[in-house]
């Protein structure tokens, strides 16, 4: 055990002291924070207000068509297709059966293409206006009254409550749980690949450099394998925790420098069609609801399960990657062909995870979150939906026990391959050959 601890220390310290580790640990969260800031800045700066001249001889649009931050409508009788650009308009709008438009459809004439935001805004405004006018003509109701009635109906919300509880436990909570599930599952997915491959390459380097021959003379192959797996796993956990701290800290600093007006404009533009006052208030309400629901999440359980499945999934797959690394030599194609059966369950787990978030209580989600090959990703995505409401205690407990047993099994299996493969040179490995080593 003491020798294994020495190997863990060596693997850990040799990697965290490298400049690449320090730079990647600092620059990665900085990159993501700057990327978010850039997206916000570009989103705000790229949206412009489009001036549209409206030819409306019948007056069916004038009372209902309202300007916004994205589109400004001006009703002008002195503007036509020959002079609208010279008068500072981006487009000219003709209603059906008017002037040069003899069709049943509205026609917008532009010199340059309008932005996507402007196109969507105009389509919605015209659709809403014509709908209100048709209802008004049919029922003899003022169009403004129709707008107010629609707004009142749109403010109606549905509260989802579980049996025996009075508080709202669905709707926005489901959206928040989905976001948390996606983030945690993808983080584990990425780390399984990154640090699993890191273990494999570390074993391959020691084998090809003949360092393993020297080390094996003083420690057992199993001790060497476990030392590398645990040491690199500690590196990954250290880097991951530092990323979380840095991202939270840098995000808080970045948000403090962003003006409130800019944040409000971004929230407006994130709606399906920016600029609508109703949609802006809906966006603000949704943001407030998400913030409130974040406080109701059982964070100790979510974080605890994430760390467990992060470590359990890593240990489960790292042993297999170490076995592959011990079997191959310098040929990267051999390593790729042998790692394919190991990476396929991870990819399948991501596919199952997407379906599990859409229906976290389905049979596919339930049993996939118990099988060790898929549980690190699938169970992590289900836990935010609630325990024991969505994930029963027996499911979570059985999943954890099977993952621990799976790790012990893959470690035993990989150790038998490792002790033969680490000292084998000049022979192209195969799964059939590796299966023979298990019997030795």
Protein backbone atom coordinates (compact mmCIF):
# COMPACT_ATOMS: atom_id res chain seq x y z
CA UNK A 1 0.00 0.00 0.00
CA UNK A 2 2.89 2.34 0.78
CA UNK A 3 4.35 1.74 -2.70
CA UNK A 4 0.99 2.45 -4.29
CA UNK A 5 0.80 5.72 -2.36
CA UNK A 6 4.25 6.70 -3.62
CA UNK A 7 3.13 6.07 -7.21
CA UNK A 8 -0.02 8.14 -6.62
CA UNK A 9 2.11 11.01 -5.32
CA UNK A 10 4.46 10.76 -8.27
CA UNK A 11 1.65 10.74 -10.85
CA UNK A 12 -0.17 13.59 -9.12
CA UNK A 13 2.76 15.91 -8.46
CA UNK A 14 4.46 15.31 -11.80
CA UNK A 15 1.30 16.48 -13.58
CA UNK A 16 0.09 19.37 -11.43
CA UNK A 17 3.54 20.95 -11.57
CA UNK A 18 3.58 21.05 -15.35
CA UNK A 19 3.05 24.40 -17.06
CA UNK A 20 0.43 22.83 -19.32
CA UNK A 21 -1.69 21.86 -16.28
CA UNK A 22 -1.40 25.30 -14.72
CA UNK A 23 -2.15 27.11 -17.97
CA UNK A 24 -5.09 24.86 -18.92
CA UNK A 25 -6.55 25.14 -15.41
CA UNK A 26 -6.46 28.94 -15.50
CA UNK A 27 -7.09 29.61 -19.18
CA UNK A 28 -9.99 27.17 -19.72
CA UNK A 29 -12.48 28.89 -17.35
CA UNK A 30 -11.17 32.28 -18.47
CA UNK A 31 -11.86 31.28 -22.07
CA UNK A 32 -15.45 30.25 -21.30
CA UNK A 33 -16.17 33.40 -19.31
CA UNK A 34 -14.74 35.61 -22.08
CA UNK A 35 -16.74 33.61 -24.63
CA UNK A 36 -19.96 34.30 -22.72
CA UNK A 37 -19.06 37.98 -22.44
CA UNK A 38 -18.32 38.11 -26.16
CA UNK A 39 -21.65 36.47 -27.01
CA UNK A 40 -23.52 39.01 -24.86
CA UNK A 41 -21.61 41.93 -26.38
CA UNK A 42 -22.02 40.75 -29.97
CA UNK A 43 -25.71 39.94 -29.42
CA UNK A 44 -26.40 43.44 -28.14
CA UNK A 45 -24.32 45.26 -30.74
CA UNK A 46 -25.47 43.22 -33.73
CA UNK A 47 -29.18 43.94 -33.28
CA UNK A 48 -30.20 47.12 -35.04
CA UNK A 49 -33.50 48.92 -35.40
CA UNK A 50 -34.98 48.59 -38.88
CA UNK A 51 -37.16 51.43 -40.22
CA UNK A 52 -40.02 50.17 -42.36
CA UNK A 53 -42.30 52.45 -44.37
CA UNK A 54 -45.91 51.23 -44.43
CA UNK A 55 -48.24 52.03 -47.33
CA UNK A 56 -51.67 51.67 -45.71
CA UNK A 57 -54.40 53.43 -47.68
CA UNK A 58 -57.20 51.49 -45.97
CA UNK A 59 -55.87 52.15 -42.45
CA UNK A 60 -56.18 48.53 -41.33
CA UNK A 61 -52.65 48.51 -39.91
CA UNK A 62 -52.19 51.96 -38.44
CA UNK A 63 -54.05 51.39 -35.17
CA UNK A 64 -52.61 47.95 -34.42
CA UNK A 65 -49.10 47.90 -35.84
CA UNK A 66 -46.78 49.09 -33.04
CA UNK A 67 -43.07 49.91 -33.28
CA UNK A 68 -40.53 48.19 -31.05
CA UNK A 69 -36.80 48.25 -30.33
CA UNK A 70 -36.26 45.97 -33.32
CA UNK A 71 -38.62 47.48 -35.92
CA UNK A 72 -39.96 51.01 -36.33
CA UNK A 73 -43.06 51.44 -38.52
CA UNK A 74 -43.79 54.77 -40.18
CA UNK A 75 -47.00 55.29 -42.12
CA UNK A 76 -46.06 57.47 -45.08
CA UNK A 77 -48.00 58.30 -48.21
CA UNK A 78 -45.04 59.97 -49.93
CA UNK A 79 -42.83 56.84 -49.95
CA UNK A 80 -42.69 54.29 -52.76
CA UNK A 81 -40.30 51.71 -54.18
CA UNK A 82 -38.30 54.39 -55.93
CA UNK A 83 -37.43 56.57 -52.95
CA UNK A 84 -37.78 54.52 -49.72
CA UNK A 85 -34.02 53.91 -49.54
CA UNK A 86 -33.22 57.58 -50.08
CA UNK A 87 -35.63 58.51 -47.28
CA UNK A 88 -33.77 56.27 -44.84
CA UNK A 89 -36.01 53.17 -44.78
CA UNK A 90 -34.75 49.62 -44.84
CA UNK A 91 -37.96 48.30 -46.40
CA UNK A 92 -41.42 49.24 -47.59
CA UNK A 93 -44.54 47.25 -46.66
CA UNK A 94 -47.58 46.91 -48.91
CA UNK A 95 -50.84 45.33 -47.67
CA UNK A 96 -52.80 42.97 -49.97
CA UNK A 97 -54.57 44.52 -52.94
CA UNK A 98 -52.86 47.89 -52.59
CA UNK A 99 -50.85 49.99 -55.01
CA UNK A 100 -48.32 47.72 -56.77
CA UNK A 101 -49.31 44.67 -54.71
CA UNK A 102 -52.28 42.96 -56.35
CA UNK A 103 -51.93 39.68 -54.47
CA UNK A 104 -53.69 38.39 -51.35
CA UNK A 105 -50.48 38.49 -49.36
CA UNK A 106 -48.50 41.25 -47.67
CA UNK A 107 -45.36 42.25 -49.56
CA UNK A 108 -42.15 43.69 -48.10
CA UNK A 109 -39.67 45.15 -50.57
CA UNK A 110 -36.08 45.66 -49.42
CA UNK A 111 -32.82 46.62 -51.00
CA UNK A 112 -30.82 44.52 -48.53
CA UNK A 113 -31.99 41.60 -46.46
CA UNK A 114 -33.51 42.42 -43.09
CA UNK A 115 -32.10 40.79 -39.96
CA UNK A 116 -33.66 37.59 -38.68
CA UNK A 117 -34.97 39.47 -35.65
CA UNK A 118 -36.69 42.05 -37.87
CA UNK A 119 -38.18 39.38 -40.15
CA UNK A 120 -39.64 37.46 -37.25
CA UNK A 121 -40.90 40.62 -35.60
CA UNK A 122 -42.69 41.84 -38.75
CA UNK A 123 -44.28 38.43 -39.35
CA UNK A 124 -45.60 38.30 -35.80
CA UNK A 125 -46.84 41.90 -35.84
CA UNK A 126 -48.73 41.44 -39.10
CA UNK A 127 -50.17 38.09 -38.00
CA UNK A 128 -51.35 39.57 -34.68
CA UNK A 129 -52.76 42.66 -36.38
CA UNK A 130 -54.74 40.74 -38.99
CA UNK A 131 -56.02 38.26 -36.40
CA UNK A 132 -57.24 41.11 -34.19
CA UNK A 133 -58.84 42.93 -37.14
CA UNK A 134 -60.69 39.81 -38.29
CA UNK A 135 -61.98 39.15 -34.77
CA UNK A 136 -62.89 42.81 -34.38
CA UNK A 137 -64.84 42.91 -37.65
CA UNK A 138 -66.64 39.68 -36.82
CA UNK A 139 -67.50 40.38 -33.18
CA UNK A 140 -67.45 44.18 -33.27
CA UNK A 141 -64.81 44.42 -30.54
CA UNK A 142 -62.06 47.01 -30.34
CA UNK A 143 -58.66 45.47 -31.42
CA UNK A 144 -57.01 46.93 -28.31
CA UNK A 145 -59.52 45.07 -26.15
CA UNK A 146 -58.62 41.85 -27.95
CA UNK A 147 -54.94 42.49 -27.23
CA UNK A 148 -55.69 43.00 -23.55
CA UNK A 149 -57.75 39.82 -23.39
CA UNK A 150 -54.94 37.84 -25.02
CA UNK A 151 -52.44 39.30 -22.60
CA UNK A 152 -54.61 38.30 -19.63
CA UNK A 153 -55.02 34.78 -21.01
CA UNK A 154 -51.26 34.52 -21.62
CA UNK A 155 -50.55 35.34 -17.98
CA UNK A 156 -52.46 32.27 -16.84
CA UNK A 157 -50.02 29.76 -15.37
CA UNK A 158 -50.29 26.12 -14.36
CA UNK A 159 -48.91 24.95 -11.02
CA UNK A 160 -47.62 21.38 -10.95
CA UNK A 161 -47.79 19.88 -7.48
CA UNK A 162 -46.93 16.38 -6.34
CA UNK A 163 -49.35 14.39 -4.22
CA UNK A 164 -49.25 15.56 -0.62
CA UNK A 165 -47.46 18.84 -1.45
CA UNK A 166 -48.97 22.29 -1.84
CA UNK A 167 -46.03 24.05 -3.49
CA UNK A 168 -45.38 24.24 -7.22
CA UNK A 169 -42.95 21.40 -8.01
CA UNK A 170 -43.11 21.21 -11.79
CA UNK A 171 -42.98 23.49 -14.82
CA UNK A 172 -39.95 25.68 -14.24
CA UNK A 173 -38.51 23.13 -11.83
CA UNK A 174 -38.49 20.60 -14.65
CA UNK A 175 -36.59 23.05 -16.85
CA UNK A 176 -34.06 23.77 -14.10
CA UNK A 177 -33.58 20.05 -13.40
CA UNK A 178 -33.11 19.44 -17.14
CA UNK A 179 -30.40 22.12 -17.37
CA UNK A 180 -28.57 20.75 -14.32
CA UNK A 181 -28.90 17.21 -15.66
CA UNK A 182 -27.46 18.14 -19.04
CA UNK A 183 -24.54 20.06 -17.53
CA UNK A 184 -23.53 17.40 -14.98
CA UNK A 185 -23.95 14.51 -17.42
CA UNK A 186 -21.88 16.19 -20.15
CA UNK A 187 -19.16 17.11 -17.66
CA UNK A 188 -18.82 13.46 -16.66
CA UNK A 189 -18.94 12.43 -20.32
CA UNK A 190 -16.07 14.77 -21.18
CA UNK A 191 -13.96 13.85 -18.15
CA UNK A 192 -14.35 10.11 -18.79
CA UNK A 193 -12.82 10.62 -22.20
CA UNK A 194 -10.14 13.13 -21.25
CA UNK A 195 -8.77 11.43 -18.16
CA UNK A 196 -9.37 7.89 -19.43
CA UNK A 197 -7.25 8.64 -22.48
CA UNK A 198 -4.71 10.35 -20.20
CA UNK A 199 -4.35 7.11 -18.20
CA UNK A 200 -3.94 5.08 -21.36
CA UNK A 201 -1.30 7.41 -22.80
CA UNK A 202 0.57 7.50 -19.48
CA UNK A 203 0.79 3.70 -19.46
CA UNK A 204 1.79 3.62 -23.14
CA UNK A 205 4.59 6.16 -22.58
CA UNK A 206 6.07 4.23 -19.67
CA UNK A 207 5.88 1.03 -21.66
CA UNK A 208 7.48 2.39 -24.83
CA UNK A 209 10.18 4.21 -22.83
CA UNK A 210 10.92 1.00 -20.90
CA UNK A 211 10.34 2.85 -17.62
CA UNK A 212 7.76 0.23 -16.63
CA UNK A 213 10.44 -2.48 -16.64
CA UNK A 214 12.39 -0.59 -13.98
CA UNK A 215 9.32 0.19 -11.87
CA UNK A 216 7.96 -3.37 -12.08
CA UNK A 217 11.17 -4.64 -10.49
CA UNK A 218 10.22 -2.94 -7.22
CA UNK A 219 6.37 -2.92 -7.27
CA UNK A 220 3.67 -5.30 -8.44
CA UNK A 221 1.91 -4.56 -11.76
CA UNK A 222 -1.40 -4.15 -9.90
CA UNK A 223 0.11 -1.54 -7.59
CA UNK A 224 1.55 0.33 -10.55
CA UNK A 225 -1.79 0.33 -12.38
CA UNK A 226 -3.76 1.47 -9.32
CA UNK A 227 -1.20 4.16 -8.55
CA UNK A 228 -1.50 5.61 -12.04
CA UNK A 229 -5.32 5.46 -12.04
CA UNK A 230 -5.73 7.08 -8.63
CA UNK A 231 -2.97 9.65 -9.21
CA UNK A 232 -4.38 10.84 -12.54
CA UNK A 233 -7.90 10.75 -11.09
CA UNK A 234 -6.76 13.07 -8.28
CA UNK A 235 -5.32 15.41 -10.92
CA UNK A 236 -8.65 15.44 -12.73
CA UNK A 237 -10.64 16.09 -9.57
CA UNK A 238 -8.28 18.90 -8.54
CA UNK A 239 -8.52 20.55 -11.94
CA UNK A 240 -12.28 20.13 -12.02
CA UNK A 241 -12.82 21.72 -8.60
CA UNK A 242 -10.52 24.60 -9.54
CA UNK A 243 -12.51 25.12 -12.74
CA UNK A 244 -15.74 25.39 -10.75
CA UNK A 245 -14.27 27.95 -8.34
CA UNK A 246 -12.68 30.01 -11.12
CA UNK A 247 -15.76 29.96 -13.37
CA UNK A 248 -18.04 31.06 -10.53
CA UNK A 249 -15.60 33.77 -9.45
CA UNK A 250 -14.90 35.08 -12.95
CA UNK A 251 -18.61 35.00 -13.87
CA UNK A 252 -19.46 37.07 -10.80
CA UNK A 253 -16.76 39.59 -11.71
CA UNK A 254 -17.92 39.72 -15.33
CA UNK A 255 -21.59 40.21 -14.40
CA UNK A 256 -20.68 43.11 -12.10
CA UNK A 257 -19.20 45.00 -15.06
CA UNK A 258 -22.17 44.46 -17.40
CA UNK A 259 -24.70 47.35 -17.29
CA UNK A 260 -28.23 46.42 -16.21
CA UNK A 261 -29.63 47.88 -19.44
CA UNK A 262 -27.47 45.54 -21.50
CA UNK A 263 -28.60 42.49 -19.52
CA UNK A 264 -32.23 43.49 -19.98
CA UNK A 265 -31.73 43.89 -23.72
CA UNK A 266 -30.10 40.47 -23.95
CA UNK A 267 -33.03 38.92 -22.10
CA UNK A 268 -35.41 40.58 -24.55
CA UNK A 269 -33.43 39.34 -27.54
CA UNK A 270 -33.34 35.78 -26.20
CA UNK A 271 -37.10 35.56 -26.58
CA UNK A 272 -38.38 34.01 -29.80
CA UNK A 273 -39.06 37.41 -31.32
CA UNK A 274 -37.28 40.24 -29.51
CA UNK A 275 -38.74 43.59 -28.67
CA UNK A 276 -42.26 42.69 -27.62
CA UNK A 277 -43.19 44.16 -24.28
CA UNK A 278 -45.22 41.08 -23.42
CA UNK A 279 -42.36 38.76 -24.29
CA UNK A 280 -39.91 40.91 -22.36
CA UNK A 281 -41.98 40.63 -19.22
CA UNK A 282 -42.37 36.90 -19.80
CA UNK A 283 -38.60 36.55 -20.19
CA UNK A 284 -38.03 38.48 -16.98
CA UNK A 285 -40.60 36.36 -15.15
CA UNK A 286 -39.01 33.17 -16.46
CA UNK A 287 -35.56 34.32 -15.33
CA UNK A 288 -36.94 35.16 -11.89
CA UNK A 289 -38.71 31.80 -11.73
CA UNK A 290 -35.53 29.92 -12.66
CA UNK A 291 -33.55 31.85 -10.03
CA UNK A 292 -36.17 30.97 -7.42
CA UNK A 293 -36.26 27.31 -8.42
CA UNK A 294 -32.48 27.04 -8.26
CA UNK A 295 -32.76 27.66 -4.52
CA UNK A 296 -35.14 24.71 -4.17
CA UNK A 297 -32.69 22.22 -5.70
CA UNK A 298 -31.21 19.74 -3.24
CA UNK A 299 -27.66 20.89 -3.96
CA UNK A 300 -25.90 18.69 -1.35
CA UNK A 301 -27.47 15.61 -2.94
CA UNK A 302 -26.79 16.75 -6.51
CA UNK A 303 -23.16 17.68 -5.78
CA UNK A 304 -22.58 14.56 -3.68
CA UNK A 305 -23.96 12.25 -6.38
CA UNK A 306 -21.99 14.12 -9.02
CA UNK A 307 -18.70 13.61 -7.16
CA UNK A 308 -19.51 9.94 -6.49
CA UNK A 309 -20.40 9.17 -10.10
CA UNK A 310 -17.54 11.29 -11.38
CA UNK A 311 -15.04 9.24 -9.35
CA UNK A 312 -16.89 5.94 -9.79
CA UNK A 313 -17.25 6.37 -13.55
CA UNK A 314 -13.64 7.44 -13.90
CA UNK A 315 -12.33 4.47 -11.88
CA UNK A 316 -14.62 2.06 -13.77
CA UNK A 317 -13.40 3.14 -17.20
CA UNK A 318 -9.84 4.17 -16.30
CA UNK A 319 -8.97 0.57 -15.40
CA UNK A 320 -10.08 -0.51 -18.87
CA UNK A 321 -8.12 2.29 -20.55
CA UNK A 322 -5.05 1.30 -18.50
CA UNK A 323 -5.41 -2.30 -19.70
CA UNK A 324 -5.53 -1.14 -23.32
CA UNK A 325 -2.51 1.11 -22.76
CA UNK A 326 -0.51 -1.80 -21.38
CA UNK A 327 -1.37 -3.99 -24.38
CA UNK A 328 -0.46 -1.63 -27.25
CA UNK A 329 2.95 -0.35 -28.30
CA UNK A 330 3.54 2.87 -30.26
CA UNK A 331 0.92 2.33 -32.96
CA UNK A 332 -1.93 4.81 -32.41
CA UNK A 333 -4.24 2.82 -34.72
CA UNK A 334 -3.95 -0.23 -32.46
CA UNK A 335 -4.91 1.90 -29.47
CA UNK A 336 -7.86 3.39 -31.36
CA UNK A 337 -9.20 -0.01 -32.43
CA UNK A 338 -8.93 -1.42 -28.91
CA UNK A 339 -10.52 1.60 -27.21
CA UNK A 340 -13.55 1.58 -29.53
CA UNK A 341 -15.46 -1.07 -27.50
CA UNK A 342 -14.71 0.96 -24.34
CA UNK A 343 -15.86 4.31 -25.72
CA UNK A 344 -19.07 2.97 -27.31
CA UNK A 345 -20.92 2.53 -23.96
CA UNK A 346 -20.00 6.13 -23.05
CA UNK A 347 -21.46 7.41 -26.32
CA UNK A 348 -24.57 5.25 -25.92
CA UNK A 349 -24.96 6.61 -22.38
CA UNK A 350 -25.15 10.16 -23.75
CA UNK A 351 -27.88 9.13 -26.20
CA UNK A 352 -29.84 7.46 -23.37
CA UNK A 353 -29.27 10.51 -21.16
CA UNK A 354 -31.03 12.82 -23.64
CA UNK A 355 -34.09 10.55 -23.62
CA UNK A 356 -33.90 10.17 -19.85
CA UNK A 357 -34.09 13.91 -19.29
CA UNK A 358 -37.22 14.09 -21.45
CA UNK A 359 -38.78 11.24 -19.43
CA UNK A 360 -36.76 10.61 -16.25
CA UNK A 361 -39.15 7.93 -14.94
CA UNK A 362 -39.18 5.74 -18.06
CA UNK A 363 -38.00 2.14 -17.93
CA UNK A 364 -35.06 3.01 -20.20
CA UNK A 365 -33.93 5.77 -17.83
CA UNK A 366 -34.45 3.64 -14.72
CA UNK A 367 -32.52 0.54 -15.79
CA UNK A 368 -29.82 2.41 -17.68
CA UNK A 369 -29.05 4.43 -14.56
CA UNK A 370 -28.43 1.16 -12.69
CA UNK A 371 -26.12 -0.54 -15.21
CA UNK A 372 -22.50 0.51 -14.39
CA UNK A 373 -21.58 1.11 -18.04
CA UNK A 374 -24.22 3.87 -18.28
CA UNK A 375 -25.01 4.90 -14.68
CA UNK A 376 -22.33 7.61 -14.23
CA UNK A 377 -23.94 9.68 -16.99
CA UNK A 378 -27.60 8.64 -16.87
CA UNK A 379 -28.09 8.63 -13.09
CA UNK A 380 -26.36 12.01 -12.77
CA UNK A 381 -28.89 13.47 -15.21
CA UNK A 382 -31.86 12.01 -13.24
CA UNK A 383 -30.88 12.99 -9.69
CA UNK A 384 -31.74 16.74 -10.14
CA UNK A 385 -35.38 15.74 -10.80
CA UNK A 386 -35.68 14.59 -7.19
CA UNK A 387 -34.98 11.76 -4.78
CA UNK A 388 -37.11 9.77 -3.95
CA UNK A 389 -39.79 11.40 -6.15
CA UNK A 390 -38.19 10.57 -9.50
CA UNK A 391 -35.26 8.37 -8.46
CA UNK A 392 -36.26 5.88 -5.77
CA UNK A 393 -33.86 5.22 -2.91
CA UNK A 394 -33.44 1.60 -3.98
CA UNK A 395 -32.53 2.70 -7.53
CA UNK A 396 -29.88 5.12 -6.29
CA UNK A 397 -28.50 2.65 -3.74
CA UNK A 398 -28.41 -0.27 -6.19
CA UNK A 399 -26.79 1.93 -8.84
CA UNK A 400 -24.02 2.98 -6.43
CA UNK A 401 -23.40 -0.58 -5.20
CA UNK A 402 -23.24 -1.96 -8.74
CA UNK A 403 -20.88 0.83 -9.83
CA UNK A 404 -18.53 -0.01 -6.93
CA UNK A 405 -18.71 -3.72 -7.77
CA UNK A 406 -18.21 -2.88 -11.44
CA UNK A 407 -15.11 -0.88 -10.62
CA UNK A 408 -13.70 -3.78 -8.57
CA UNK A 409 -14.47 -6.19 -11.42
CA UNK A 410 -12.92 -4.04 -14.16
CA UNK A 411 -9.88 -3.45 -11.93
CA UNK A 412 -9.43 -7.19 -11.41
CA UNK A 413 -9.97 -7.84 -15.12
CA UNK A 414 -7.62 -5.07 -16.21
CA UNK A 415 -4.94 -6.10 -13.70
CA UNK A 416 -4.68 -9.55 -15.29
CA UNK A 417 -4.26 -7.95 -18.73
CA UNK A 418 -1.94 -5.26 -17.37
CA UNK A 419 0.57 -7.58 -15.70
CA UNK A 420 1.14 -9.42 -19.01
CA UNK A 421 0.75 -6.57 -21.48
CA UNK A 422 3.01 -4.08 -19.70
CA UNK A 423 6.07 -6.25 -20.38
CA UNK A 424 5.05 -7.50 -23.84
CA UNK A 425 6.75 -5.86 -26.84
CA UNK A 426 6.73 -6.31 -30.59
CA UNK A 427 3.41 -8.15 -30.83
CA UNK A 428 0.26 -6.60 -32.25
CA UNK A 429 -2.46 -6.91 -29.60
CA UNK A 430 -6.05 -8.02 -30.12
CA UNK A 431 -9.01 -8.64 -27.88
CA UNK A 432 -8.66 -12.36 -28.55
CA UNK A 433 -5.04 -12.30 -27.40
CA UNK A 434 -5.94 -10.22 -24.35
CA UNK A 435 -8.65 -12.74 -23.45
CA UNK A 436 -5.99 -15.45 -23.29
CA UNK A 437 -4.02 -13.38 -20.78
CA UNK A 438 -7.00 -13.52 -18.41
CA UNK A 439 -6.47 -17.23 -17.94
CA UNK A 440 -2.85 -16.84 -16.86
